[in-house]
């Protein structure tokens, strides 16, 4: 009984983290779109954009987008 409750608690916590990650990525996509940077759906696109920003291949709102992508990368790694 206790193990089943523990597994359900872990599953609910993971679901919450996945939902928060989705909200973070969607907010980031919206903010970047305001600056003309279109980002496709999916966490893989955020990871590719982060790499492009680190390599200085993309001009745009550097400080804010870099910080947001850093948080998104940490969140993605923790939840995946």
C-alpha atoms as a PDB file:
ATOM      1  CA  UNK A   1       0.000   0.000   0.000  1.00  0.00           C
ATOM      2  CA  UNK A   2       2.732   2.436   0.971  1.00  0.00           C
ATOM      3  CA  UNK A   3       4.757   1.707  -2.188  1.00  0.00           C
ATOM      4  CA  UNK A   4       1.706   2.324  -4.343  1.00  0.00           C
ATOM      5  CA  UNK A   5       1.111   5.696  -2.651  1.00  0.00           C
ATOM      6  CA  UNK A   6       4.746   6.604  -3.117  1.00  0.00           C
ATOM      7  CA  UNK A   7       4.632   5.714  -6.840  1.00  0.00           C
ATOM      8  CA  UNK A   8       1.469   7.787  -7.313  1.00  0.00           C
ATOM      9  CA  UNK A   9       3.069  10.722  -5.515  1.00  0.00           C
ATOM     10  CA  UNK A  10       6.151  10.523  -7.723  1.00  0.00           C
ATOM     11  CA  UNK A  11       3.996  10.295 -10.855  1.00  0.00           C
ATOM     12  CA  UNK A  12       1.964  13.374  -9.818  1.00  0.00           C
ATOM     13  CA  UNK A  13       5.150  15.305  -9.088  1.00  0.00           C
ATOM     14  CA  UNK A  14       6.589  14.389 -12.483  1.00  0.00           C
ATOM     15  CA  UNK A  15       3.346  15.414 -14.210  1.00  0.00           C
ATOM     16  CA  UNK A  16       3.493  18.771 -12.453  1.00  0.00           C
ATOM     17  CA  UNK A  17       7.105  19.313 -13.553  1.00  0.00           C
ATOM     18  CA  UNK A  18       6.279  18.381 -17.150  1.00  0.00           C
ATOM     19  CA  UNK A  19       3.368  20.858 -17.124  1.00  0.00           C
ATOM     20  CA  UNK A  20       5.634  23.596 -15.741  1.00  0.00           C
ATOM     21  CA  UNK A  21       8.257  22.853 -18.389  1.00  0.00           C
ATOM     22  CA  UNK A  22       5.595  23.119 -21.086  1.00  0.00           C
ATOM     23  CA  UNK A  23       4.426  26.465 -19.715  1.00  0.00           C
ATOM     24  CA  UNK A  24       8.003  27.755 -19.592  1.00  0.00           C
ATOM     25  CA  UNK A  25       8.761  26.706 -23.169  1.00  0.00           C
ATOM     26  CA  UNK A  26       5.474  28.137 -24.480  1.00  0.00           C
ATOM     27  CA  UNK A  27       6.143  31.449 -22.720  1.00  0.00           C
ATOM     28  CA  UNK A  28       9.660  31.527 -24.150  1.00  0.00           C
ATOM     29  CA  UNK A  29       8.349  30.827 -27.659  1.00  0.00           C
ATOM     30  CA  UNK A  30       5.844  33.666 -27.277  1.00  0.00           C
ATOM     31  CA  UNK A  31       8.452  36.157 -26.091  1.00  0.00           C
ATOM     32  CA  UNK A  32      10.874  35.211 -28.845  1.00  0.00           C
ATOM     33  CA  UNK A  33       8.107  35.514 -31.453  1.00  0.00           C
ATOM     34  CA  UNK A  34       7.593  39.121 -30.354  1.00  0.00           C
ATOM     35  CA  UNK A  35      11.188  39.735 -31.460  1.00  0.00           C
ATOM     36  CA  UNK A  36      10.796  37.931 -34.766  1.00  0.00           C
ATOM     37  CA  UNK A  37      12.378  34.661 -33.719  1.00  0.00           C
ATOM     38  CA  UNK A  38      10.033  31.817 -34.623  1.00  0.00           C
ATOM     39  CA  UNK A  39      10.580  28.617 -32.712  1.00  0.00           C
ATOM     40  CA  UNK A  40       8.799  25.368 -33.568  1.00  0.00           C
ATOM     41  CA  UNK A  41       6.936  23.316 -31.001  1.00  0.00           C
ATOM     42  CA  UNK A  42       8.825  20.734 -29.024  1.00  0.00           C
ATOM     43  CA  UNK A  43      11.611  20.769 -26.486  1.00  0.00           C
ATOM     44  CA  UNK A  44      14.169  19.770 -29.137  1.00  0.00           C
ATOM     45  CA  UNK A  45      13.701  23.106 -30.867  1.00  0.00           C
ATOM     46  CA  UNK A  46      14.484  24.947 -27.634  1.00  0.00           C
ATOM     47  CA  UNK A  47      17.660  22.927 -27.200  1.00  0.00           C
ATOM     48  CA  UNK A  48      18.746  23.691 -30.785  1.00  0.00           C
ATOM     49  CA  UNK A  49      18.041  27.396 -30.266  1.00  0.00           C
ATOM     50  CA  UNK A  50      20.101  27.385 -27.063  1.00  0.00           C
ATOM     51  CA  UNK A  51      23.035  25.908 -28.978  1.00  0.00           C
ATOM     52  CA  UNK A  52      22.657  28.538 -31.716  1.00  0.00           C
ATOM     53  CA  UNK A  53      22.606  31.331 -29.134  1.00  0.00           C
ATOM     54  CA  UNK A  54      25.723  29.969 -27.459  1.00  0.00           C
ATOM     55  CA  UNK A  55      27.495  29.850 -30.825  1.00  0.00           C
ATOM     56  CA  UNK A  56      26.452  33.456 -31.609  1.00  0.00           C
ATOM     57  CA  UNK A  57      24.739  32.409 -34.845  1.00  0.00           C
ATOM     58  CA  UNK A  58      21.523  34.193 -33.909  1.00  0.00           C
ATOM     59  CA  UNK A  59      21.154  37.925 -33.394  1.00  0.00           C
ATOM     60  CA  UNK A  60      18.371  38.975 -31.086  1.00  0.00           C
ATOM     61  CA  UNK A  61      17.465  39.742 -27.512  1.00  0.00           C
ATOM     62  CA  UNK A  62      20.574  38.227 -25.982  1.00  0.00           C
ATOM     63  CA  UNK A  63      20.453  38.655 -22.186  1.00  0.00           C
ATOM     64  CA  UNK A  64      16.799  37.779 -21.588  1.00  0.00           C
ATOM     65  CA  UNK A  65      16.611  34.924 -24.063  1.00  0.00           C
ATOM     66  CA  UNK A  66      19.894  33.454 -22.883  1.00  0.00           C
ATOM     67  CA  UNK A  67      18.748  33.386 -19.257  1.00  0.00           C
ATOM     68  CA  UNK A  68      15.362  31.906 -20.171  1.00  0.00           C
ATOM     69  CA  UNK A  69      16.954  29.223 -22.323  1.00  0.00           C
ATOM     70  CA  UNK A  70      19.366  28.375 -19.548  1.00  0.00           C
ATOM     71  CA  UNK A  71      16.421  27.824 -17.188  1.00  0.00           C
ATOM     72  CA  UNK A  72      14.613  25.796 -19.859  1.00  0.00           C
ATOM     73  CA  UNK A  73      17.681  23.602 -20.347  1.00  0.00           C
ATOM     74  CA  UNK A  74      17.981  22.945 -16.613  1.00  0.00           C
ATOM     75  CA  UNK A  75      14.275  22.171 -16.360  1.00  0.00           C
ATOM     76  CA  UNK A  76      14.394  19.868 -19.380  1.00  0.00           C
ATOM     77  CA  UNK A  77      17.338  17.935 -17.996  1.00  0.00           C
ATOM     78  CA  UNK A  78      15.729  17.536 -14.598  1.00  0.00           C
ATOM     79  CA  UNK A  79      12.384  16.288 -15.916  1.00  0.00           C
ATOM     80  CA  UNK A  80      13.434  14.149 -18.865  1.00  0.00           C
END
